């Protein structure tokens, strides 16, 4: 579910953001670095700094609002 929404957002915001998928089982070091305790989680970064995190499966509008906040900051 989350992957489908993220794929849609990646297309809609093409040129404005990049989307990456992290498998926490395979990339444990990165998961620990960002203190990922639950999945799914969407982390939003701007200029290398984590600005927002969305934990759990949310409606698309929730992700859009978070992305827009980061892009406007």
N, C-alpha and C. Protein backbone atom coordinates (compact mmCIF):
# COMPACT_ATOMS: atom_id res chain seq x y z
N UNK A 1 0.82 -1.20 0.00
CA UNK A 1 0.00 0.00 0.00
C UNK A 1 0.86 1.26 0.00
N UNK A 2 1.79 1.36 0.94
CA UNK A 2 2.63 2.55 1.02
C UNK A 2 3.49 2.69 -0.23
N UNK A 3 4.01 1.57 -0.73
CA UNK A 3 4.85 1.62 -1.92
C UNK A 3 4.09 2.21 -3.11
N UNK A 4 2.85 1.83 -3.27
CA UNK A 4 2.04 2.34 -4.38
C UNK A 4 1.87 3.85 -4.25
N UNK A 5 1.56 4.32 -3.06
CA UNK A 5 1.38 5.76 -2.84
C UNK A 5 2.70 6.50 -3.07
N UNK A 6 3.78 5.96 -2.57
CA UNK A 6 5.09 6.61 -2.76
C UNK A 6 5.45 6.65 -4.24
N UNK A 7 5.16 5.59 -4.97
CA UNK A 7 5.42 5.59 -6.42
C UNK A 7 4.61 6.69 -7.11
N UNK A 8 3.36 6.86 -6.72
CA UNK A 8 2.52 7.92 -7.28
C UNK A 8 3.10 9.30 -6.96
N UNK A 9 3.51 9.48 -5.71
CA UNK A 9 4.07 10.77 -5.30
C UNK A 9 5.39 11.06 -6.00
N UNK A 10 6.20 10.04 -6.20
CA UNK A 10 7.47 10.22 -6.91
C UNK A 10 7.21 10.73 -8.32
N UNK A 11 6.18 10.21 -8.97
CA UNK A 11 5.84 10.67 -10.32
C UNK A 11 5.27 12.09 -10.29
N UNK A 12 4.40 12.36 -9.34
CA UNK A 12 3.77 13.68 -9.25
C UNK A 12 4.76 14.78 -8.88
N UNK A 13 5.76 14.45 -8.08
CA UNK A 13 6.75 15.43 -7.63
C UNK A 13 8.09 15.25 -8.34
N UNK A 14 8.08 14.64 -9.51
CA UNK A 14 9.32 14.42 -10.27
C UNK A 14 10.05 15.74 -10.46
N UNK A 15 11.35 15.71 -10.21
CA UNK A 15 12.15 16.92 -10.32
C UNK A 15 12.19 17.76 -9.05
N UNK A 16 11.30 17.43 -8.10
CA UNK A 16 11.26 18.17 -6.83
C UNK A 16 11.74 17.33 -5.66
N UNK A 17 11.65 16.00 -5.81
CA UNK A 17 12.11 15.12 -4.74
C UNK A 17 12.56 13.79 -5.31
N UNK A 18 13.32 13.07 -4.51
CA UNK A 18 13.76 11.71 -4.86
C UNK A 18 13.19 10.76 -3.82
N UNK A 19 12.77 9.60 -4.26
CA UNK A 19 12.23 8.58 -3.35
C UNK A 19 13.12 7.35 -3.38
N UNK A 20 13.37 6.81 -2.20
CA UNK A 20 14.18 5.61 -2.06
C UNK A 20 13.49 4.66 -1.10
N UNK A 21 13.66 3.37 -1.33
CA UNK A 21 13.10 2.35 -0.45
C UNK A 21 14.25 1.71 0.30
N UNK A 22 14.10 1.59 1.59
CA UNK A 22 15.10 0.98 2.45
C UNK A 22 14.50 -0.29 3.05
N UNK A 23 15.18 -1.40 2.86
CA UNK A 23 14.79 -2.65 3.51
C UNK A 23 15.53 -2.69 4.84
N UNK A 24 14.81 -2.48 5.93
CA UNK A 24 15.46 -2.39 7.24
C UNK A 24 16.13 -3.69 7.66
N UNK A 25 15.68 -4.82 7.12
CA UNK A 25 16.34 -6.09 7.43
C UNK A 25 17.72 -6.16 6.79
N UNK A 26 17.85 -5.60 5.60
CA UNK A 26 19.12 -5.64 4.88
C UNK A 26 20.02 -4.46 5.19
N UNK A 27 19.45 -3.35 5.62
CA UNK A 27 20.21 -2.13 5.87
C UNK A 27 20.05 -1.70 7.33
N UNK A 28 20.39 -2.61 8.23
CA UNK A 28 20.18 -2.39 9.66
C UNK A 28 20.95 -1.17 10.17
N UNK A 29 22.14 -0.93 9.65
CA UNK A 29 22.94 0.21 10.12
C UNK A 29 22.21 1.53 9.87
N UNK A 30 21.64 1.68 8.69
CA UNK A 30 20.90 2.90 8.36
C UNK A 30 19.63 2.99 9.22
N UNK A 31 18.95 1.87 9.40
CA UNK A 31 17.75 1.86 10.23
C UNK A 31 18.08 2.30 11.65
N UNK A 32 19.19 1.84 12.17
CA UNK A 32 19.61 2.23 13.52
C UNK A 32 19.99 3.71 13.57
N UNK A 33 20.69 4.18 12.54
CA UNK A 33 21.12 5.58 12.50
C UNK A 33 19.94 6.53 12.58
N UNK A 34 18.84 6.19 11.92
CA UNK A 34 17.66 7.04 11.92
C UNK A 34 16.60 6.58 12.92
N UNK A 35 16.99 5.67 13.80
CA UNK A 35 16.13 5.18 14.89
C UNK A 35 14.77 4.71 14.40
N UNK A 36 14.79 3.93 13.32
CA UNK A 36 13.55 3.36 12.78
C UNK A 36 13.16 2.19 13.66
N UNK A 37 12.04 2.33 14.33
CA UNK A 37 11.56 1.30 15.26
C UNK A 37 10.35 0.55 14.72
N UNK A 38 9.66 1.14 13.74
CA UNK A 38 8.46 0.53 13.19
C UNK A 38 8.43 0.77 11.69
N UNK A 39 7.80 -0.12 10.98
CA UNK A 39 7.63 0.03 9.54
C UNK A 39 6.15 -0.14 9.22
N UNK A 40 5.63 0.50 8.21
CA UNK A 40 6.36 1.40 7.32
C UNK A 40 6.62 2.75 7.98
N UNK A 41 7.68 3.38 7.53
CA UNK A 41 8.00 4.74 7.95
C UNK A 41 8.51 5.49 6.73
N UNK A 42 8.07 6.72 6.59
CA UNK A 42 8.53 7.58 5.50
C UNK A 42 9.30 8.73 6.15
N UNK A 43 10.56 8.86 5.78
CA UNK A 43 11.40 9.94 6.29
C UNK A 43 11.58 10.96 5.17
N UNK A 44 11.42 12.21 5.50
CA UNK A 44 11.59 13.29 4.52
C UNK A 44 12.80 14.12 4.91
N UNK A 45 13.69 14.31 3.94
CA UNK A 45 14.93 15.05 4.17
C UNK A 45 14.97 16.27 3.26
N UNK A 46 15.66 17.29 3.73
CA UNK A 46 15.93 18.45 2.89
C UNK A 46 17.38 18.84 3.14
N UNK A 47 18.16 18.85 2.06
CA UNK A 47 19.59 19.17 2.14
C UNK A 47 20.30 18.28 3.15
N UNK A 48 19.93 17.00 3.17
CA UNK A 48 20.58 16.02 4.03
C UNK A 48 20.10 15.98 5.47
N UNK A 49 19.17 16.84 5.84
CA UNK A 49 18.67 16.89 7.21
C UNK A 49 17.26 16.32 7.27
N UNK A 50 17.03 15.41 8.21
CA UNK A 50 15.69 14.84 8.37
C UNK A 50 14.74 15.91 8.90
N UNK A 51 13.67 16.14 8.17
CA UNK A 51 12.70 17.19 8.52
C UNK A 51 11.38 16.64 9.04
N UNK A 52 10.97 15.51 8.51
CA UNK A 52 9.66 14.94 8.86
C UNK A 52 9.77 13.42 8.87
N UNK A 53 8.95 12.79 9.67
CA UNK A 53 8.80 11.34 9.59
C UNK A 53 7.32 11.00 9.76
N UNK A 54 6.88 10.06 8.95
CA UNK A 54 5.50 9.61 8.97
C UNK A 54 5.53 8.11 9.25
N UNK A 55 5.03 7.71 10.40
CA UNK A 55 5.05 6.31 10.80
C UNK A 55 3.68 5.71 10.57
N UNK A 56 3.67 4.55 9.93
CA UNK A 56 2.42 3.86 9.67
C UNK A 56 1.89 4.15 8.28
N UNK A 57 0.87 3.42 7.91
CA UNK A 57 0.22 3.62 6.61
C UNK A 57 -0.83 4.72 6.76
N UNK A 58 -0.66 5.76 5.98
CA UNK A 58 -1.54 6.92 6.06
C UNK A 58 -2.18 7.18 4.70
N UNK A 59 -3.26 7.96 4.67
CA UNK A 59 -3.84 8.35 3.38
C UNK A 59 -2.84 9.20 2.59
N UNK A 60 -2.95 9.15 1.29
CA UNK A 60 -2.04 9.89 0.41
C UNK A 60 -1.96 11.36 0.79
N UNK A 61 -3.07 11.97 1.15
CA UNK A 61 -3.11 13.39 1.49
C UNK A 61 -2.19 13.72 2.66
N UNK A 62 -2.02 12.78 3.56
CA UNK A 62 -1.14 12.98 4.71
C UNK A 62 0.30 13.14 4.24
N UNK A 63 0.73 12.28 3.30
CA UNK A 63 2.09 12.36 2.76
C UNK A 63 2.26 13.64 1.94
N UNK A 64 1.24 14.01 1.18
CA UNK A 64 1.29 15.24 0.37
C UNK A 64 1.51 16.44 1.28
N UNK A 65 0.78 16.51 2.38
CA UNK A 65 0.92 17.63 3.31
C UNK A 65 2.33 17.69 3.89
N UNK A 66 2.87 16.53 4.26
CA UNK A 66 4.23 16.49 4.81
C UNK A 66 5.25 16.92 3.77
N UNK A 67 5.10 16.43 2.55
CA UNK A 67 6.02 16.81 1.46
C UNK A 67 5.94 18.30 1.21
N UNK A 68 4.75 18.83 1.13
CA UNK A 68 4.59 20.27 0.88
C UNK A 68 5.21 21.11 1.99
N UNK A 69 5.09 20.67 3.24
CA UNK A 69 5.72 21.40 4.35
C UNK A 69 7.24 21.43 4.18
N UNK A 70 7.80 20.29 3.81
CA UNK A 70 9.26 20.23 3.64
C UNK A 70 9.70 21.07 2.45
N UNK A 71 8.98 20.99 1.35
CA UNK A 71 9.37 21.77 0.17
C UNK A 71 9.27 23.27 0.42
N UNK A 72 8.33 23.70 1.26
CA UNK A 72 8.15 25.12 1.54
C UNK A 72 9.10 25.64 2.62
N UNK A 73 9.72 24.73 3.36
CA UNK A 73 10.59 25.16 4.46
C UNK A 73 11.95 25.63 3.98
